C-alpha atoms as a PDB file:
ATOM      1  CA  MET A   1      -4.336-128.717  38.844  1.00  0.00           C
ATOM      2  CA  ARG A   2      -4.147-126.415  41.825  1.00  0.00           C
ATOM      3  CA  LYS A   3      -0.940-124.563  42.514  1.00  0.00           C
ATOM      4  CA  ASN A   4       0.159-125.271  46.049  1.00  0.00           C
ATOM      5  CA  THR A   5       2.604-123.573  48.354  1.00  0.00           C
ATOM      6  CA  ILE A   6       4.503-125.787  50.768  1.00  0.00           C
ATOM      7  CA  PHE A   7       4.552-124.932  54.482  1.00  0.00           C
ATOM      8  CA  VAL A   8       1.873-122.263  54.484  1.00  0.00           C
ATOM      9  CA  GLY A   9      -1.210-121.740  56.600  1.00  0.00           C
ATOM     10  CA  MET A  10      -1.665-122.615  60.238  1.00  0.00           C
ATOM     11  CA  SER A  11       0.185-125.952  60.277  1.00  0.00           C
ATOM     12  CA  ARG A  12       1.550-126.923  63.654  1.00  0.00           C
ATOM     13  CA  PHE A  13       4.386-129.034  62.216  1.00  0.00           C
ATOM     14  CA  LYS A  14       6.735-128.787  59.241  1.00  0.00           C
ATOM     15  CA  ALA A  15       6.010-132.413  58.354  1.00  0.00           C
ATOM     16  CA  SER A  16       3.880-135.392  59.292  1.00  0.00           C
ATOM     17  CA  VAL A  17       5.624-138.769  59.131  1.00  0.00           C
ATOM     18  CA  ILE A  18       3.060-141.508  58.474  1.00  0.00           C
ATOM     19  CA  ILE A  19       4.386-144.906  59.570  1.00  0.00           C
ATOM     20  CA  SER A  20       2.415-148.020  58.618  1.00  0.00           C
ATOM     21  CA  THR A  21       2.634-151.052  60.905  1.00  0.00           C
ATOM     22  CA  TYR A  22       1.076-154.419  61.664  1.00  0.00           C
ATOM     23  CA  ASN A  23       2.122-156.626  64.593  1.00  0.00           C
ATOM     24  CA  GLN A  24       5.850-155.866  64.468  1.00  0.00           C
ATOM     25  CA  PRO A  25       6.350-154.103  67.827  1.00  0.00           C
ATOM     26  CA  GLU A  26      10.063-154.886  68.126  1.00  0.00           C
ATOM     27  CA  TRP A  27      10.754-153.456  64.675  1.00  0.00           C
ATOM     28  CA  LEU A  28       8.500-150.470  65.385  1.00  0.00           C
ATOM     29  CA  ARG A  29      10.440-149.808  68.602  1.00  0.00           C
ATOM     30  CA  LYS A  30      13.660-149.493  66.614  1.00  0.00           C
ATOM     31  CA  VAL A  31      11.963-147.289  64.021  1.00  0.00           C
ATOM     32  CA  LEU A  32      10.662-144.903  66.692  1.00  0.00           C
ATOM     33  CA  TRP A  33      14.140-144.765  68.230  1.00  0.00           C
ATOM     34  CA  SER A  34      15.443-143.635  64.835  1.00  0.00           C
ATOM     35  CA  TYR A  35      13.019-140.686  64.832  1.00  0.00           C
ATOM     36  CA  THR A  36      14.113-139.714  68.338  1.00  0.00           C
ATOM     37  CA  PHE A  37      17.522-138.719  66.914  1.00  0.00           C
ATOM     38  CA  GLN A  38      16.384-136.703  63.873  1.00  0.00           C
ATOM     39  CA  THR A  39      18.199-133.415  63.197  1.00  0.00           C
ATOM     40  CA  GLU A  40      14.852-131.797  62.308  1.00  0.00           C
ATOM     41  CA  LYS A  41      12.630-131.782  65.393  1.00  0.00           C
ATOM     42  CA  ASN A  42       9.492-130.035  64.145  1.00  0.00           C
ATOM     43  CA  PHE A  43       7.495-133.017  62.911  1.00  0.00           C
ATOM     44  CA  GLU A  44       4.772-135.340  64.139  1.00  0.00           C
ATOM     45  CA  ILE A  45       4.421-139.091  63.755  1.00  0.00           C
ATOM     46  CA  ILE A  46       1.141-140.691  62.736  1.00  0.00           C
ATOM     47  CA  ILE A  47       1.213-144.471  63.172  1.00  0.00           C
ATOM     48  CA  ALA A  48      -1.158-146.137  60.698  1.00  0.00           C
ATOM     49  CA  ASP A  49      -1.841-149.429  62.469  1.00  0.00           C
ATOM     50  CA  ASP A  50      -3.623-152.084  60.395  1.00  0.00           C
ATOM     51  CA  GLY A  51      -5.049-153.964  63.381  1.00  0.00           C
ATOM     52  CA  SER A  52      -2.084-154.818  65.614  1.00  0.00           C
ATOM     53  CA  SER A  53      -2.537-156.406  69.041  1.00  0.00           C
ATOM     54  CA  LYS A  54      -2.323-154.603  72.395  1.00  0.00           C
ATOM     55  CA  GLU A  55       1.454-155.147  72.474  1.00  0.00           C
ATOM     56  CA  THR A  56       1.891-152.484  69.788  1.00  0.00           C
ATOM     57  CA  GLU A  57      -0.448-150.088  71.586  1.00  0.00           C
ATOM     58  CA  LYS A  58       1.548-150.550  74.808  1.00  0.00           C
ATOM     59  CA  LEU A  59       4.809-149.795  73.006  1.00  0.00           C
ATOM     60  CA  ILE A  60       3.387-146.618  71.455  1.00  0.00           C
ATOM     61  CA  ASN A  61       2.052-145.424  74.806  1.00  0.00           C
ATOM     62  CA  GLU A  62       5.512-145.934  76.320  1.00  0.00           C
ATOM     63  CA  PHE A  63       7.049-143.712  73.646  1.00  0.00           C
ATOM     64  CA  LYS A  64       4.348-141.086  74.133  1.00  0.00           C
ATOM     65  CA  ALA A  65       5.158-140.960  77.844  1.00  0.00           C
ATOM     66  CA  ASN A  66       8.950-141.229  77.719  1.00  0.00           C
ATOM     67  CA  SER A  67      10.189-139.662  74.488  1.00  0.00           C
ATOM     68  CA  PRO A  68      10.044-136.165  72.949  1.00  0.00           C
ATOM     69  CA  LEU A  69       8.182-137.490  69.910  1.00  0.00           C
ATOM     70  CA  THR A  70       4.674-136.293  69.111  1.00  0.00           C
ATOM     71  CA  ILE A  71       2.804-139.474  68.210  1.00  0.00           C
ATOM     72  CA  CYS A  72      -0.764-140.153  67.113  1.00  0.00           C
ATOM     73  CA  HIS A  73      -1.832-143.817  66.987  1.00  0.00           C
ATOM     74  CA  VAL A  74      -4.504-144.503  64.351  1.00  0.00           C
ATOM     75  CA  TRP A  75      -5.864-148.070  64.589  1.00  0.00           C
ATOM     76  CA  HIS A  76      -8.653-150.188  63.191  1.00  0.00           C
ATOM     77  CA  ALA A  77      -9.649-153.812  63.812  1.00  0.00           C
ATOM     78  CA  ASP A  78      -7.784-156.618  62.082  1.00  0.00           C
ATOM     79  CA  LYS A  79      -9.929-157.711  59.142  1.00  0.00           C
ATOM     80  CA  GLY A  80      -7.164-158.772  56.815  1.00  0.00           C
ATOM     81  CA  PHE A  81      -4.790-156.586  54.792  1.00  0.00           C
ATOM     82  CA  ARG A  82      -6.361-153.107  54.870  1.00  0.00           C
ATOM     83  CA  LYS A  83      -3.271-150.920  54.737  1.00  0.00           C
ATOM     84  CA  THR A  84      -4.792-148.483  52.240  1.00  0.00           C
ATOM     85  CA  SER A  85      -7.773-147.895  54.517  1.00  0.00           C
ATOM     86  CA  ILE A  86      -5.704-147.160  57.634  1.00  0.00           C
ATOM     87  CA  LEU A  87      -3.382-144.907  55.628  1.00  0.00           C
ATOM     88  CA  ASN A  88      -6.372-142.814  54.551  1.00  0.00           C
ATOM     89  CA  LYS A  89      -7.491-142.528  58.168  1.00  0.00           C
ATOM     90  CA  ALA A  90      -3.951-141.487  59.140  1.00  0.00           C
ATOM     91  CA  ILE A  91      -3.820-138.806  56.433  1.00  0.00           C
ATOM     92  CA  ILE A  92      -6.956-137.200  57.859  1.00  0.00           C
ATOM     93  CA  LYS A  93      -5.279-136.969  61.295  1.00  0.00           C
ATOM     94  CA  THR A  94      -2.164-135.119  60.104  1.00  0.00           C
ATOM     95  CA  GLN A  95      -1.511-131.548  61.256  1.00  0.00           C
ATOM     96  CA  SER A  96       0.947-130.379  58.600  1.00  0.00           C
ATOM     97  CA  ASP A  97       0.952-129.467  54.922  1.00  0.00           C
ATOM     98  CA  TYR A  98       3.727-131.928  54.044  1.00  0.00           C
ATOM     99  CA  LEU A  99       3.483-135.724  54.366  1.00  0.00           C
ATOM    100  CA  ILE A 100       6.290-138.279  54.529  1.00  0.00           C
ATOM    101  CA  PHE A 101       5.205-141.903  54.078  1.00  0.00           C
ATOM    102  CA  THR A 102       7.277-144.791  55.414  1.00  0.00           C
ATOM    103  CA  ASP A 103       6.902-148.213  57.035  1.00  0.00           C
ATOM    104  CA  GLY A 104       7.291-149.584  60.528  1.00  0.00           C
ATOM    105  CA  ASP A 105      10.289-151.634  59.449  1.00  0.00           C
ATOM    106  CA  CYS A 106      12.367-148.764  58.020  1.00  0.00           C
ATOM    107  CA  LEU A 107      14.990-147.091  60.215  1.00  0.00           C
ATOM    108  CA  ALA A 108      15.444-143.420  59.318  1.00  0.00           C
ATOM    109  CA  ARG A 109      18.916-141.909  59.183  1.00  0.00           C
ATOM    110  CA  LYS A 110      19.160-138.797  61.362  1.00  0.00           C
ATOM    111  CA  ASP A 111      18.814-136.443  58.369  1.00  0.00           C
ATOM    112  CA  PHE A 112      15.769-138.254  56.944  1.00  0.00           C
ATOM    113  CA  VAL A 113      13.099-135.684  57.834  1.00  0.00           C
ATOM    114  CA  GLU A 114      15.467-132.759  57.271  1.00  0.00           C
ATOM    115  CA  LYS A 115      16.325-133.898  53.741  1.00  0.00           C
ATOM    116  CA  HIS A 116      12.736-134.620  52.784  1.00  0.00           C
ATOM    117  CA  LEU A 117      11.937-131.022  53.671  1.00  0.00           C
ATOM    118  CA  LEU A 118      15.102-129.599  52.120  1.00  0.00           C
ATOM    119  CA  LEU A 119      14.575-131.316  48.762  1.00  0.00           C
ATOM    120  CA  SER A 120      10.807-130.767  48.570  1.00  0.00           C
ATOM    121  CA  LYS A 121       9.452-128.874  45.572  1.00  0.00           C
ATOM    122  CA  GLU A 122       6.040-127.499  44.743  1.00  0.00           C
ATOM    123  CA  ASN A 123       3.823-129.930  42.796  1.00  0.00           C
ATOM    124  CA  CYS A 124       6.419-132.702  43.149  1.00  0.00           C
ATOM    125  CA  PHE A 125       6.875-135.893  45.143  1.00  0.00           C
ATOM    126  CA  LEU A 126      10.226-137.162  46.370  1.00  0.00           C
ATOM    127  CA  SER A 127      10.921-140.806  45.628  1.00  0.00           C
ATOM    128  CA  GLY A 128      13.361-142.346  48.102  1.00  0.00           C
ATOM    129  CA  GLY A 129      14.592-145.892  48.500  1.00  0.00           C
ATOM    130  CA  TYR A 130      15.808-148.245  51.181  1.00  0.00           C
ATOM    131  CA  PHE A 131      18.829-150.353  52.035  1.00  0.00           C
ATOM    132  CA  LYS A 132      17.735-153.897  52.798  1.00  0.00           C
ATOM    133  CA  LEU A 133      19.230-155.672  55.813  1.00  0.00           C
ATOM    134  CA  PRO A 134      19.480-159.420  56.462  1.00  0.00           C
ATOM    135  CA  GLN A 135      17.895-160.820  59.605  1.00  0.00           C
ATOM    136  CA  LYS A 136      21.181-161.112  61.513  1.00  0.00           C
ATOM    137  CA  THR A 137      21.923-157.396  61.094  1.00  0.00           C
ATOM    138  CA  SER A 138      18.319-156.381  61.763  1.00  0.00           C
ATOM    139  CA  ASP A 139      18.332-158.250  65.089  1.00  0.00           C
ATOM    140  CA  LEU A 140      21.651-156.711  66.091  1.00  0.00           C
ATOM    141  CA  ILE A 141      20.647-153.032  65.886  1.00  0.00           C
ATOM    142  CA  GLU A 142      19.745-151.425  69.216  1.00  0.00           C
ATOM    143  CA  LYS A 143      19.097-147.897  70.464  1.00  0.00           C
ATOM    144  CA  ASN A 144      22.789-147.041  70.913  1.00  0.00           C
ATOM    145  CA  HIS A 145      23.517-147.951  67.279  1.00  0.00           C
ATOM    146  CA  LEU A 146      20.877-145.436  66.196  1.00  0.00           C
ATOM    147  CA  GLU A 147      22.018-142.754  68.630  1.00  0.00           C
ATOM    148  CA  THR A 148      25.587-142.960  67.310  1.00  0.00           C
ATOM    149  CA  GLN A 149      24.360-143.627  63.736  1.00  0.00           C
ATOM    150  CA  ILE A 150      26.927-146.421  63.451  1.00  0.00           C
ATOM    151  CA  CYS A 151      24.285-148.686  61.915  1.00  0.00           C
ATOM    152  CA  PHE A 152      24.227-146.395  58.850  1.00  0.00           C
ATOM    153  CA  ASP A 153      27.998-146.760  58.444  1.00  0.00           C
ATOM    154  CA  ALA A 154      28.809-148.976  55.468  1.00  0.00           C
ATOM    155  CA  ASN A 155      31.882-150.515  57.117  1.00  0.00           C
ATOM    156  CA  TRP A 156      29.940-151.430  60.265  1.00  0.00           C
ATOM    157  CA  LEU A 157      27.192-153.048  58.209  1.00  0.00           C
ATOM    158  CA  LEU A 158      29.677-155.027  56.121  1.00  0.00           C
ATOM    159  CA  GLU A 159      31.274-156.269  59.328  1.00  0.00           C
ATOM    160  CA  ASN A 160      27.881-157.329  60.683  1.00  0.00           C
ATOM    161  CA  GLY A 161      26.220-159.473  58.057  1.00  0.00           C
ATOM    162  CA  VAL A 162      25.616-157.232  55.028  1.00  0.00           C
ATOM    163  CA  LYS A 163      27.073-158.386  51.708  1.00  0.00           C
ATOM    164  CA  LYS A 164      29.041-155.892  49.659  1.00  0.00           C
ATOM    165  CA  SER A 165      27.226-154.599  46.572  1.00  0.00           C
ATOM    166  CA  PHE A 166      26.726-151.433  44.533  1.00  0.00           C
ATOM    167  CA  LYS A 167      23.771-150.598  46.807  1.00  0.00           C
ATOM    168  CA  VAL A 168      26.230-149.677  49.574  1.00  0.00           C
ATOM    169  CA  ASN A 169      26.658-146.418  47.651  1.00  0.00           C
ATOM    170  CA  LYS A 170      23.323-145.310  49.110  1.00  0.00           C
ATOM    171  CA  LEU A 171      25.062-145.043  52.467  1.00  0.00           C
ATOM    172  CA  THR A 172      28.289-143.436  51.310  1.00  0.00           C
ATOM    173  CA  SER A 173      27.024-140.826  48.839  1.00  0.00           C
ATOM    174  CA  ARG A 174      27.318-137.148  49.676  1.00  0.00           C
ATOM    175  CA  GLY A 175      27.429-133.958  47.652  1.00  0.00           C
ATOM    176  CA  LEU A 176      28.197-134.357  43.958  1.00  0.00           C
ATOM    177  CA  LYS A 177      28.238-138.176  44.103  1.00  0.00           C
ATOM    178  CA  GLU A 178      24.776-138.164  45.666  1.00  0.00           C
ATOM    179  CA  LYS A 179      23.376-135.832  42.981  1.00  0.00           C
ATOM    180  CA  LEU A 180      24.949-137.774  40.116  1.00  0.00           C
ATOM    181  CA  LEU A 181      23.686-141.144  41.328  1.00  0.00           C
ATOM    182  CA  ASN A 182      20.170-139.732  41.774  1.00  0.00           C
ATOM    183  CA  GLN A 183      20.321-138.328  38.261  1.00  0.00           C
ATOM    184  CA  PHE A 184      21.712-141.352  36.436  1.00  0.00           C
ATOM    185  CA  THR A 185      20.155-144.291  38.292  1.00  0.00           C
ATOM    186  CA  PRO A 186      18.037-146.432  35.932  1.00  0.00           C
ATOM    187  CA  THR A 187      15.438-146.863  38.693  1.00  0.00           C
ATOM    188  CA  LYS A 188      12.291-144.883  37.937  1.00  0.00           C
ATOM    189  CA  ALA A 189      11.027-142.358  40.492  1.00  0.00           C
ATOM    190  CA  THR A 190       7.706-143.710  41.792  1.00  0.00           C
ATOM    191  CA  PHE A 191       5.412-143.622  44.820  1.00  0.00           C
ATOM    192  CA  ASP A 192       6.968-146.286  47.066  1.00  0.00           C
ATOM    193  CA  GLY A 193       5.235-146.275  50.421  1.00  0.00           C
ATOM    194  CA  MET A 194       8.337-146.943  52.490  1.00  0.00           C
ATOM    195  CA  ASN A 195      10.000-143.645  51.507  1.00  0.00           C
ATOM    196  CA  VAL A 196       8.067-140.973  49.636  1.00  0.00           C
ATOM    197  CA  SER A 197       6.854-137.462  50.412  1.00  0.00           C
ATOM    198  CA  GLY A 198       4.776-134.642  49.013  1.00  0.00           C
ATOM    199  CA  GLU A 199       2.098-132.059  49.670  1.00  0.00           C
ATOM    200  CA  LYS A 200      -0.946-133.113  51.660  1.00  0.00           C
ATOM    201  CA  SER A 201      -3.191-131.078  49.353  1.00  0.00           C
ATOM    202  CA  ALA A 202      -2.067-133.252  46.423  1.00  0.00           C
ATOM    203  CA  ILE A 203      -2.930-136.453  48.284  1.00  0.00           C
ATOM    204  CA  LEU A 204      -6.360-135.047  49.094  1.00  0.00           C
ATOM    205  CA  GLU A 205      -6.833-133.895  45.506  1.00  0.00           C
ATOM    206  CA  VAL A 206      -6.554-137.485  44.233  1.00  0.00           C
ATOM    207  CA  ASN A 207      -8.696-138.778  47.133  1.00  0.00           C
ATOM    208  CA  GLY A 208      -5.932-140.717  48.865  1.00  0.00           C
ATOM    209  CA  PHE A 209      -5.334-144.444  48.531  1.00  0.00           C
ATOM    210  CA  ASP A 210      -7.744-146.749  46.717  1.00  0.00           C
ATOM    211  CA  GLU A 211      -9.139-148.946  49.488  1.00  0.00           C
ATOM    212  CA  ARG A 212      -9.893-151.822  47.127  1.00  0.00           C
ATOM    213  CA  MET A 213      -6.150-152.375  46.823  1.00  0.00           C
ATOM    214  CA  GLU A 214      -4.562-155.211  48.795  1.00  0.00           C
ATOM    215  CA  TYR A 215      -0.864-156.083  48.989  1.00  0.00           C
ATOM    216  CA  GLY A 216       1.177-155.452  45.851  1.00  0.00           C
ATOM    217  CA  GLY A 217       1.395-152.111  44.098  1.00  0.00           C
ATOM    218  CA  GLU A 218      -1.155-150.343  46.285  1.00  0.00           C
ATOM    219  CA  ASP A 219       1.261-147.450  46.702  1.00  0.00           C
ATOM    220  CA  ARG A 220       2.178-147.340  43.023  1.00  0.00           C
ATOM    221  CA  GLU A 221      -1.485-146.850  42.083  1.00  0.00           C
ATOM    222  CA  ILE A 222      -1.862-143.590  44.005  1.00  0.00           C
ATOM    223  CA  GLY A 223       1.398-142.446  42.431  1.00  0.00           C
ATOM    224  CA  GLU A 224      -0.007-143.113  38.976  1.00  0.00           C
ATOM    225  CA  ARG A 225      -3.083-141.021  39.773  1.00  0.00           C
ATOM    226  CA  LEU A 226      -0.870-138.218  41.058  1.00  0.00           C
ATOM    227  CA  GLN A 227       1.054-138.283  37.785  1.00  0.00           C
ATOM    228  CA  ASN A 228      -2.233-138.224  35.865  1.00  0.00           C
ATOM    229  CA  ALA A 229      -3.098-135.092  37.871  1.00  0.00           C
ATOM    230  CA  GLY A 230       0.118-133.418  36.727  1.00  0.00           C
ATOM    231  CA  TYR A 231       2.409-134.011  39.712  1.00  0.00           C
ATOM    232  CA  HIS A 232       6.025-134.993  39.073  1.00  0.00           C
ATOM    233  CA  PHE A 233       8.254-137.481  40.878  1.00  0.00           C
ATOM    234  CA  ILE A 234      11.855-136.647  41.751  1.00  0.00           C
ATOM    235  CA  GLN A 235      14.434-139.400  42.183  1.00  0.00           C
ATOM    236  CA  ALA A 236      16.147-139.060  45.578  1.00  0.00           C
ATOM    237  CA  ARG A 237      17.052-142.629  46.531  1.00  0.00           C
ATOM    238  CA  TYR A 238      20.675-141.651  47.277  1.00  0.00           C
ATOM    239  CA  SER A 239      19.585-138.733  49.476  1.00  0.00           C
ATOM    240  CA  LEU A 240      16.702-140.051  51.598  1.00  0.00           C
ATOM    241  CA  ILE A 241      18.221-142.935  53.512  1.00  0.00           C
ATOM    242  CA  CYS A 242      16.495-145.636  55.531  1.00  0.00           C
ATOM    243  CA  LEU A 243      17.440-149.194  56.477  1.00  0.00           C
ATOM    244  CA  HIS A 244      14.847-151.878  55.824  1.00  0.00           C
ATOM    245  CA  LEU A 245      14.634-154.460  58.608  1.00  0.00           C
ATOM    246  CA  TYR A 246      14.185-158.077  57.585  1.00  0.00           C
ATOM    247  CA  HIS A 247      10.755-159.732  57.653  1.00  0.00           C
ATOM    248  CA  GLU A 248       8.663-162.295  55.807  1.00  0.00           C
ATOM    249  CA  ARG A 249       5.565-161.374  53.763  1.00  0.00           C
ATOM    250  CA  PRO A 250       2.897-164.012  54.523  1.00  0.00           C
ATOM    251  CA  TYR A 251       0.158-161.706  53.200  1.00  0.00           C
ATOM    252  CA  LYS A 252       1.525-161.843  49.636  1.00  0.00           C
ATOM    253  CA  ASN A 253      -0.700-163.850  47.282  1.00  0.00           C
ATOM    254  CA  GLU A 254      -1.296-164.130  43.553  1.00  0.00           C
ATOM    255  CA  GLU A 255      -5.027-163.368  43.715  1.00  0.00           C
ATOM    256  CA  SER A 256      -4.408-159.969  45.348  1.00  0.00           C
ATOM    257  CA  LEU A 257      -1.674-159.152  42.870  1.00  0.00           C
ATOM    258  CA  GLN A 258      -3.963-159.884  39.920  1.00  0.00           C
ATOM    259  CA  LYS A 259      -6.763-157.786  41.438  1.00  0.00           C
ATOM    260  CA  ASN A 260      -4.400-154.867  42.057  1.00  0.00           C
ATOM    261  CA  ASN A 261      -2.908-155.111  38.574  1.00  0.00           C
ATOM    262  CA  ALA A 262      -6.391-154.846  37.076  1.00  0.00           C
ATOM    263  CA  ILE A 263      -7.102-151.673  39.074  1.00  0.00           C
ATOM    264  CA  ARG A 264      -3.752-150.164  38.066  1.00  0.00           C
ATOM    265  CA  LYS A 265      -4.347-151.057  34.429  1.00  0.00           C
ATOM    266  CA  ASN A 266      -7.664-149.200  34.519  1.00  0.00           C
ATOM    267  CA  THR A 267      -6.054-146.206  36.273  1.00  0.00           C
ATOM    268  CA  LYS A 268      -3.519-145.944  33.459  1.00  0.00           C
ATOM    269  CA  LYS A 269      -5.977-146.598  30.624  1.00  0.00           C
ATOM    270  CA  GLN A 270      -8.614-144.147  31.877  1.00  0.00           C
ATOM    271  CA  LYS A 271      -6.002-141.670  33.130  1.00  0.00           C
ATOM    272  CA  CYS A 272      -7.807-141.618  36.484  1.00  0.00           C
ATOM    273  CA  VAL A 273      -7.014-138.774  38.877  1.00  0.00           C
ATOM    274  CA  THR A 274      -9.344-139.664  41.753  1.00  0.00           C
ATOM    275  CA  THR A 275     -10.828-142.879  43.119  1.00  0.00           C
ATOM    276  CA  ALA A 276     -14.367-143.527  44.327  1.00  0.00           C
ATOM    277  CA  TYR A 277     -12.867-145.792  47.017  1.00  0.00           C
ATOM    278  CA  GLY A 278     -10.632-143.299  48.835  1.00  0.00           C
ATOM    279  CA  ILE A 279     -10.667-140.668  51.551  1.00  0.00           C
ATOM    280  CA  LYS A 280     -14.024-139.156  50.587  1.00  0.00           C
ATOM    281  CA  THR A 281     -15.675-142.490  51.366  1.00  0.00           C
ATOM    282  CA  LEU A 282     -14.559-142.351  55.031  1.00  0.00           C
END
């Protein structure tokens, strides 16, 4: 495995945030607002759009014209669930050495990009998590809630539709508590597409996402190939905070899950590092 050095070369940005989306313009609007208020400003946004309608394109153009964000919209026609394909196209468009993957329904706390960069380590991937919101709370959040960061306040969320649970600790952990919870959580550090980051060179080394994969574990499969290549995953779910907006998943089906499980089983059995159905096929 190659030894890589983070943030070297002629990169224009410290990080590229790749946001996947499909026909959720109102959720994407809120997500882009959340990146407007990041403490770290030196990053670009690549929107990996799996065939959304013109409404999403219009929204993105509005942000390009009226916000300080640097945004690249990567789109292909809607031919069913092809998230892995559009993610590979988005990876090629990035202009930094460090990639942060997330979804168009995940609101980033103001320190999201900063902490991904701060915690990054050579030959490692950071595995974050999310705090799931009910529909009532998701609908309630507007630009001012993101500007003030009140929507990341546990008390505000509990007052506005969120049920109290141990998961609230994700929003209240700082310092030693944050480190201890990351260390002792039973949740395994994996490649979860809504909140994960690592070196672009590593993603290219394993040839990106396997484009045969449909919904269900498509992100885990690339993570398993990265591990086969010798990369390590660091648990940071109490450090890298995003709120997951409510939505249904009509694209979920048993046939796709079985197909994906078969591909993942082969990846593990054969200890695959690359895929013949990834970036090099573009």
